[in-house]
C-alpha atoms as a PDB file:
ATOM      1  CA  UNK A   1     108.214 -58.538 245.358  1.00  0.00           C
ATOM      2  CA  UNK A   2     105.900 -56.088 247.168  1.00  0.00           C
ATOM      3  CA  UNK A   3     104.683 -56.456 250.715  1.00  0.00           C
ATOM      4  CA  UNK A   4     101.931 -54.823 252.769  1.00  0.00           C
ATOM      5  CA  UNK A   5     102.431 -54.567 256.540  1.00  0.00           C
ATOM      6  CA  UNK A   6      99.692 -55.299 259.091  1.00  0.00           C
ATOM      7  CA  UNK A   7      99.999 -55.726 262.873  1.00  0.00           C
ATOM      8  CA  UNK A   8      98.023 -58.664 264.209  1.00  0.00           C
ATOM      9  CA  UNK A   9      98.142 -59.464 267.920  1.00  0.00           C
ATOM     10  CA  UNK A  10     101.462 -57.620 268.207  1.00  0.00           C
ATOM     11  CA  UNK A  11     103.111 -59.516 265.334  1.00  0.00           C
ATOM     12  CA  UNK A  12     104.084 -57.805 262.105  1.00  0.00           C
ATOM     13  CA  UNK A  13     102.555 -59.705 259.208  1.00  0.00           C
ATOM     14  CA  UNK A  14     103.320 -58.922 255.602  1.00  0.00           C
ATOM     15  CA  UNK A  15     101.172 -59.772 252.640  1.00  0.00           C
ATOM     16  CA  UNK A  16     102.797 -60.656 249.351  1.00  0.00           C
ATOM     17  CA  UNK A  17     101.353 -59.528 246.049  1.00  0.00           C
ATOM     18  CA  UNK A  18      99.737 -62.972 245.916  1.00  0.00           C
ATOM     19  CA  UNK A  19      97.925 -62.176 249.230  1.00  0.00           C
ATOM     20  CA  UNK A  20      99.827 -64.757 251.262  1.00  0.00           C
ATOM     21  CA  UNK A  21     100.620 -63.620 254.800  1.00  0.00           C
ATOM     22  CA  UNK A  22     104.092 -64.195 256.207  1.00  0.00           C
ATOM     23  CA  UNK A  23     105.927 -62.934 259.315  1.00  0.00           C
ATOM     24  CA  UNK A  24     108.572 -60.246 258.768  1.00  0.00           C
ATOM     25  CA  UNK A  25     111.382 -62.649 259.586  1.00  0.00           C
ATOM     26  CA  UNK A  26     110.428 -64.780 256.568  1.00  0.00           C
ATOM     27  CA  UNK A  27     110.408 -61.911 254.067  1.00  0.00           C
ATOM     28  CA  UNK A  28     114.181 -61.993 253.667  1.00  0.00           C
ATOM     29  CA  UNK A  29     114.120 -58.218 253.996  1.00  0.00           C
ATOM     30  CA  UNK A  30     116.569 -56.547 256.331  1.00  0.00           C
ATOM     31  CA  UNK A  31     115.105 -53.123 256.915  1.00  0.00           C
ATOM     32  CA  UNK A  32     111.731 -52.749 258.676  1.00  0.00           C
ATOM     33  CA  UNK A  33     111.447 -48.977 257.921  1.00  0.00           C
ATOM     34  CA  UNK A  34     111.818 -49.610 254.188  1.00  0.00           C
ATOM     35  CA  UNK A  35     109.033 -52.178 254.376  1.00  0.00           C
ATOM     36  CA  UNK A  36     106.791 -49.706 256.173  1.00  0.00           C
ATOM     37  CA  UNK A  37     107.572 -47.120 253.495  1.00  0.00           C
ATOM     38  CA  UNK A  38     106.677 -49.607 250.771  1.00  0.00           C
ATOM     39  CA  UNK A  39     103.399 -50.465 252.487  1.00  0.00           C
ATOM     40  CA  UNK A  40     102.615 -46.762 252.814  1.00  0.00           C
ATOM     41  CA  UNK A  41     103.118 -46.229 249.082  1.00  0.00           C
ATOM     42  CA  UNK A  42     100.757 -49.092 248.309  1.00  0.00           C
ATOM     43  CA  UNK A  43      97.904 -47.262 250.039  1.00  0.00           C
ATOM     44  CA  UNK A  44      98.548 -43.936 248.290  1.00  0.00           C
ATOM     45  CA  UNK A  45      96.287 -45.066 245.468  1.00  0.00           C
ATOM     46  CA  UNK A  46      93.475 -45.762 247.958  1.00  0.00           C
ATOM     47  CA  UNK A  47      93.974 -42.364 249.620  1.00  0.00           C
ATOM     48  CA  UNK A  48      93.850 -40.592 246.258  1.00  0.00           C
ATOM     49  CA  UNK A  49      90.679 -42.471 245.268  1.00  0.00           C
ATOM     50  CA  UNK A  50      88.952 -41.330 248.480  1.00  0.00           C
ATOM     51  CA  UNK A  51      89.796 -37.661 247.780  1.00  0.00           C
ATOM     52  CA  UNK A  52      88.725 -37.988 244.136  1.00  0.00           C
ATOM     53  CA  UNK A  53      85.356 -39.433 245.178  1.00  0.00           C
ATOM     54  CA  UNK A  54      84.939 -36.736 247.848  1.00  0.00           C
ATOM     55  CA  UNK A  55      85.356 -33.996 245.250  1.00  0.00           C
ATOM     56  CA  UNK A  56      82.851 -35.756 242.979  1.00  0.00           C
ATOM     57  CA  UNK A  57      80.469 -36.412 245.917  1.00  0.00           C
ATOM     58  CA  UNK A  58      80.560 -40.173 245.327  1.00  0.00           C
ATOM     59  CA  UNK A  59      80.266 -42.410 248.365  1.00  0.00           C
ATOM     60  CA  UNK A  60      79.064 -45.899 249.336  1.00  0.00           C
ATOM     61  CA  UNK A  61      75.298 -46.064 249.788  1.00  0.00           C
ATOM     62  CA  UNK A  62      75.474 -48.385 252.788  1.00  0.00           C
ATOM     63  CA  UNK A  63      75.970 -47.219 256.349  1.00  0.00           C
ATOM     64  CA  UNK A  64      79.602 -46.291 256.065  1.00  0.00           C
ATOM     65  CA  UNK A  65      82.500 -44.125 257.083  1.00  0.00           C
ATOM     66  CA  UNK A  66      84.949 -43.002 254.428  1.00  0.00           C
ATOM     67  CA  UNK A  67      88.412 -42.221 255.799  1.00  0.00           C
ATOM     68  CA  UNK A  68      91.172 -40.128 254.229  1.00  0.00           C
ATOM     69  CA  UNK A  69      93.636 -42.957 254.923  1.00  0.00           C
ATOM     70  CA  UNK A  70      92.099 -44.858 252.012  1.00  0.00           C
ATOM     71  CA  UNK A  71      89.682 -47.134 253.856  1.00  0.00           C
ATOM     72  CA  UNK A  72      85.929 -47.556 254.073  1.00  0.00           C
ATOM     73  CA  UNK A  73      84.331 -48.797 257.286  1.00  0.00           C
ATOM     74  CA  UNK A  74      80.980 -50.504 256.716  1.00  0.00           C
ATOM     75  CA  UNK A  75      78.647 -51.259 259.605  1.00  0.00           C
ATOM     76  CA  UNK A  76      75.124 -52.157 260.592  1.00  0.00           C
ATOM     77  CA  UNK A  77      72.994 -50.170 262.988  1.00  0.00           C
ATOM     78  CA  UNK A  78      69.441 -50.325 264.220  1.00  0.00           C
ATOM     79  CA  UNK A  79      67.119 -48.139 266.237  1.00  0.00           C
ATOM     80  CA  UNK A  80      67.708 -50.484 269.180  1.00  0.00           C
ATOM     81  CA  UNK A  81      71.473 -50.013 269.243  1.00  0.00           C
ATOM     82  CA  UNK A  82      73.067 -46.836 270.490  1.00  0.00           C
ATOM     83  CA  UNK A  83      76.777 -47.659 270.173  1.00  0.00           C
ATOM     84  CA  UNK A  84      78.422 -48.564 266.897  1.00  0.00           C
ATOM     85  CA  UNK A  85      80.785 -51.218 268.187  1.00  0.00           C
ATOM     86  CA  UNK A  86      79.858 -54.427 266.388  1.00  0.00           C
ATOM     87  CA  UNK A  87      79.946 -55.726 262.852  1.00  0.00           C
ATOM     88  CA  UNK A  88      82.441 -53.282 261.359  1.00  0.00           C
ATOM     89  CA  UNK A  89      84.114 -54.235 258.089  1.00  0.00           C
ATOM     90  CA  UNK A  90      87.187 -52.314 256.882  1.00  0.00           C
ATOM     91  CA  UNK A  91      87.989 -52.320 253.154  1.00  0.00           C
ATOM     92  CA  UNK A  92      90.677 -50.437 251.189  1.00  0.00           C
ATOM     93  CA  UNK A  93      89.031 -48.064 248.700  1.00  0.00           C
ATOM     94  CA  UNK A  94      90.324 -49.827 245.604  1.00  0.00           C
ATOM     95  CA  UNK A  95      89.194 -53.217 246.905  1.00  0.00           C
ATOM     96  CA  UNK A  96      85.614 -52.017 247.156  1.00  0.00           C
ATOM     97  CA  UNK A  97      84.093 -52.584 243.746  1.00  0.00           C
ATOM     98  CA  UNK A  98      81.613 -49.805 243.128  1.00  0.00           C
ATOM     99  CA  UNK A  99      78.581 -50.542 241.002  1.00  0.00           C
ATOM    100  CA  UNK A 100      75.339 -48.689 240.467  1.00  0.00           C
ATOM    101  CA  UNK A 101      73.599 -50.220 243.490  1.00  0.00           C
ATOM    102  CA  UNK A 102      76.499 -49.602 245.867  1.00  0.00           C
ATOM    103  CA  UNK A 103      77.179 -45.912 245.346  1.00  0.00           C
ATOM    104  CA  UNK A 104      75.419 -42.618 245.745  1.00  0.00           C
ATOM    105  CA  UNK A 105      76.165 -39.292 244.203  1.00  0.00           C
ATOM    106  CA  UNK A 106      75.490 -35.890 245.631  1.00  0.00           C
ATOM    107  CA  UNK A 107      75.411 -34.377 249.083  1.00  0.00           C
ATOM    108  CA  UNK A 108      73.173 -31.484 250.051  1.00  0.00           C
ATOM    109  CA  UNK A 109      74.874 -29.478 252.795  1.00  0.00           C
ATOM    110  CA  UNK A 110      72.431 -28.060 255.320  1.00  0.00           C
ATOM    111  CA  UNK A 111      74.762 -26.912 258.103  1.00  0.00           C
ATOM    112  CA  UNK A 112      78.455 -26.044 258.424  1.00  0.00           C
ATOM    113  CA  UNK A 113      80.501 -25.394 261.566  1.00  0.00           C
ATOM    114  CA  UNK A 114      84.142 -24.406 261.843  1.00  0.00           C
ATOM    115  CA  UNK A 115      86.157 -26.136 264.527  1.00  0.00           C
ATOM    116  CA  UNK A 116      89.668 -25.633 265.797  1.00  0.00           C
ATOM    117  CA  UNK A 117      92.811 -26.959 264.098  1.00  0.00           C
ATOM    118  CA  UNK A 118      91.652 -25.962 260.615  1.00  0.00           C
ATOM    119  CA  UNK A 119      88.634 -28.311 260.819  1.00  0.00           C
ATOM    120  CA  UNK A 120      85.359 -27.783 259.010  1.00  0.00           C
ATOM    121  CA  UNK A 121      82.303 -29.897 259.851  1.00  0.00           C
ATOM    122  CA  UNK A 122      79.373 -30.256 257.463  1.00  0.00           C
ATOM    123  CA  UNK A 123      76.151 -32.202 257.617  1.00  0.00           C
ATOM    124  CA  UNK A 124      73.050 -32.635 255.542  1.00  0.00           C
ATOM    125  CA  UNK A 125      71.167 -34.964 253.257  1.00  0.00           C
ATOM    126  CA  UNK A 126      72.323 -37.713 250.935  1.00  0.00           C
ATOM    127  CA  UNK A 127      70.662 -36.896 247.622  1.00  0.00           C
ATOM    128  CA  UNK A 128      69.917 -40.521 246.757  1.00  0.00           C
ATOM    129  CA  UNK A 129      67.489 -40.898 249.663  1.00  0.00           C
ATOM    130  CA  UNK A 130      65.739 -38.316 251.818  1.00  0.00           C
ATOM    131  CA  UNK A 131      65.900 -40.519 254.890  1.00  0.00           C
ATOM    132  CA  UNK A 132      69.720 -40.744 254.813  1.00  0.00           C
ATOM    133  CA  UNK A 133      71.993 -38.181 256.419  1.00  0.00           C
ATOM    134  CA  UNK A 134      75.692 -37.394 256.248  1.00  0.00           C
ATOM    135  CA  UNK A 135      78.301 -35.873 258.546  1.00  0.00           C
ATOM    136  CA  UNK A 136      81.758 -34.886 257.298  1.00  0.00           C
ATOM    137  CA  UNK A 137      85.020 -33.492 258.615  1.00  0.00           C
ATOM    138  CA  UNK A 138      87.326 -31.781 256.149  1.00  0.00           C
ATOM    139  CA  UNK A 139      90.286 -29.417 256.276  1.00  0.00           C
ATOM    140  CA  UNK A 140      89.132 -25.816 255.997  1.00  0.00           C
ATOM    141  CA  UNK A 141      92.104 -24.530 253.989  1.00  0.00           C
ATOM    142  CA  UNK A 142      92.376 -27.374 251.451  1.00  0.00           C
ATOM    143  CA  UNK A 143      88.939 -29.001 251.433  1.00  0.00           C
ATOM    144  CA  UNK A 144      90.623 -32.381 251.955  1.00  0.00           C
ATOM    145  CA  UNK A 145      88.276 -34.977 253.420  1.00  0.00           C
ATOM    146  CA  UNK A 146      89.230 -36.393 256.816  1.00  0.00           C
ATOM    147  CA  UNK A 147      86.133 -38.580 257.167  1.00  0.00           C
ATOM    148  CA  UNK A 148      82.565 -38.866 255.871  1.00  0.00           C
ATOM    149  CA  UNK A 149      79.782 -40.713 257.707  1.00  0.00           C
ATOM    150  CA  UNK A 150      76.643 -41.851 255.870  1.00  0.00           C
ATOM    151  CA  UNK A 151      73.749 -43.072 258.037  1.00  0.00           C
ATOM    152  CA  UNK A 152      70.521 -44.634 256.790  1.00  0.00           C
ATOM    153  CA  UNK A 153      67.188 -43.955 258.423  1.00  0.00           C
ATOM    154  CA  UNK A 154      68.258 -40.908 260.407  1.00  0.00           C
ATOM    155  CA  UNK A 155      66.834 -38.279 258.042  1.00  0.00           C
ATOM    156  CA  UNK A 156      69.049 -35.350 257.021  1.00  0.00           C
ATOM    157  CA  UNK A 157      71.333 -33.889 259.666  1.00  0.00           C
ATOM    158  CA  UNK A 158      70.734 -30.183 260.230  1.00  0.00           C
ATOM    159  CA  UNK A 159      72.691 -28.985 263.262  1.00  0.00           C
ATOM    160  CA  UNK A 160      76.219 -29.485 264.653  1.00  0.00           C
ATOM    161  CA  UNK A 161      77.357 -28.651 268.180  1.00  0.00           C
ATOM    162  CA  UNK A 162      81.113 -28.891 268.727  1.00  0.00           C
ATOM    163  CA  UNK A 163      82.371 -30.223 272.050  1.00  0.00           C
ATOM    164  CA  UNK A 164      86.004 -30.762 273.118  1.00  0.00           C
ATOM    165  CA  UNK A 165      86.663 -34.115 271.459  1.00  0.00           C
ATOM    166  CA  UNK A 166      83.326 -34.860 269.823  1.00  0.00           C
ATOM    167  CA  UNK A 167      80.498 -33.336 267.858  1.00  0.00           C
ATOM    168  CA  UNK A 168      76.765 -33.738 268.460  1.00  0.00           C
ATOM    169  CA  UNK A 169      74.816 -33.729 265.215  1.00  0.00           C
ATOM    170  CA  UNK A 170      71.010 -33.596 265.170  1.00  0.00           C
ATOM    171  CA  UNK A 171      68.790 -34.755 262.329  1.00  0.00           C
ATOM    172  CA  UNK A 172      65.466 -33.301 261.201  1.00  0.00           C
ATOM    173  CA  UNK A 173      63.699 -36.202 262.957  1.00  0.00           C
ATOM    174  CA  UNK A 174      65.459 -35.462 266.271  1.00  0.00           C
ATOM    175  CA  UNK A 175      67.947 -38.336 266.077  1.00  0.00           C
ATOM    176  CA  UNK A 176      71.280 -37.364 267.632  1.00  0.00           C
ATOM    177  CA  UNK A 177      74.642 -38.722 266.465  1.00  0.00           C
ATOM    178  CA  UNK A 178      77.528 -38.272 268.896  1.00  0.00           C
ATOM    179  CA  UNK A 179      80.786 -38.556 266.973  1.00  0.00           C
ATOM    180  CA  UNK A 180      84.279 -38.622 268.512  1.00  0.00           C
ATOM    181  CA  UNK A 181      86.250 -36.505 266.055  1.00  0.00           C
ATOM    182  CA  UNK A 182      89.362 -38.682 266.240  1.00  0.00           C
ATOM    183  CA  UNK A 183      87.464 -42.030 266.133  1.00  0.00           C
ATOM    184  CA  UNK A 184      84.222 -41.567 264.185  1.00  0.00           C
ATOM    185  CA  UNK A 185      83.871 -45.353 263.990  1.00  0.00           C
ATOM    186  CA  UNK A 186      83.009 -45.207 267.718  1.00  0.00           C
ATOM    187  CA  UNK A 187      79.971 -42.997 267.139  1.00  0.00           C
ATOM    188  CA  UNK A 188      76.782 -43.451 269.117  1.00  0.00           C
ATOM    189  CA  UNK A 189      73.217 -42.714 268.081  1.00  0.00           C
ATOM    190  CA  UNK A 190      70.319 -41.530 270.226  1.00  0.00           C
ATOM    191  CA  UNK A 191      67.239 -42.389 268.182  1.00  0.00           C
ATOM    192  CA  UNK A 192      64.173 -40.152 268.378  1.00  0.00           C
END
């Protein structure tokens, strides 16, 4: 039987293949590290799907962040909100059923900036809609995606300024996205 490990309020919970959650003590398994290894293998498929879609420039159309760990983060934002802190939904890549209304294809890169630690930042326009912009972090030497942010209503992003632990990315309409490089899901937006 396979298990997936999640920490909830400090308690290790495991999910069976039937999606029933049980505490570790009830799994009958003796070795926590082996369980963690098993859970890690289960997400390899999601990680691979993210990289495959990155190479094909396929991404969710909604306001989203695609992570190289195999998860999508979906969120809502409005011109009244500056901080992206509410209403986040995290979904493993293979659990997100893509259909023609949920995906976009094609990214038009407008600006690229090289950061430290082998990082490459890109930004530009989502080809499906001229009022959507994207920001991405990838590894310079391999091209591997670290994360991809898609924002609706910002217009294409056209300039990146690298700061110590964040990037400031400006769109053609003057909207500014401030993105912590290690936690892009905590981005903030200064609307123009």
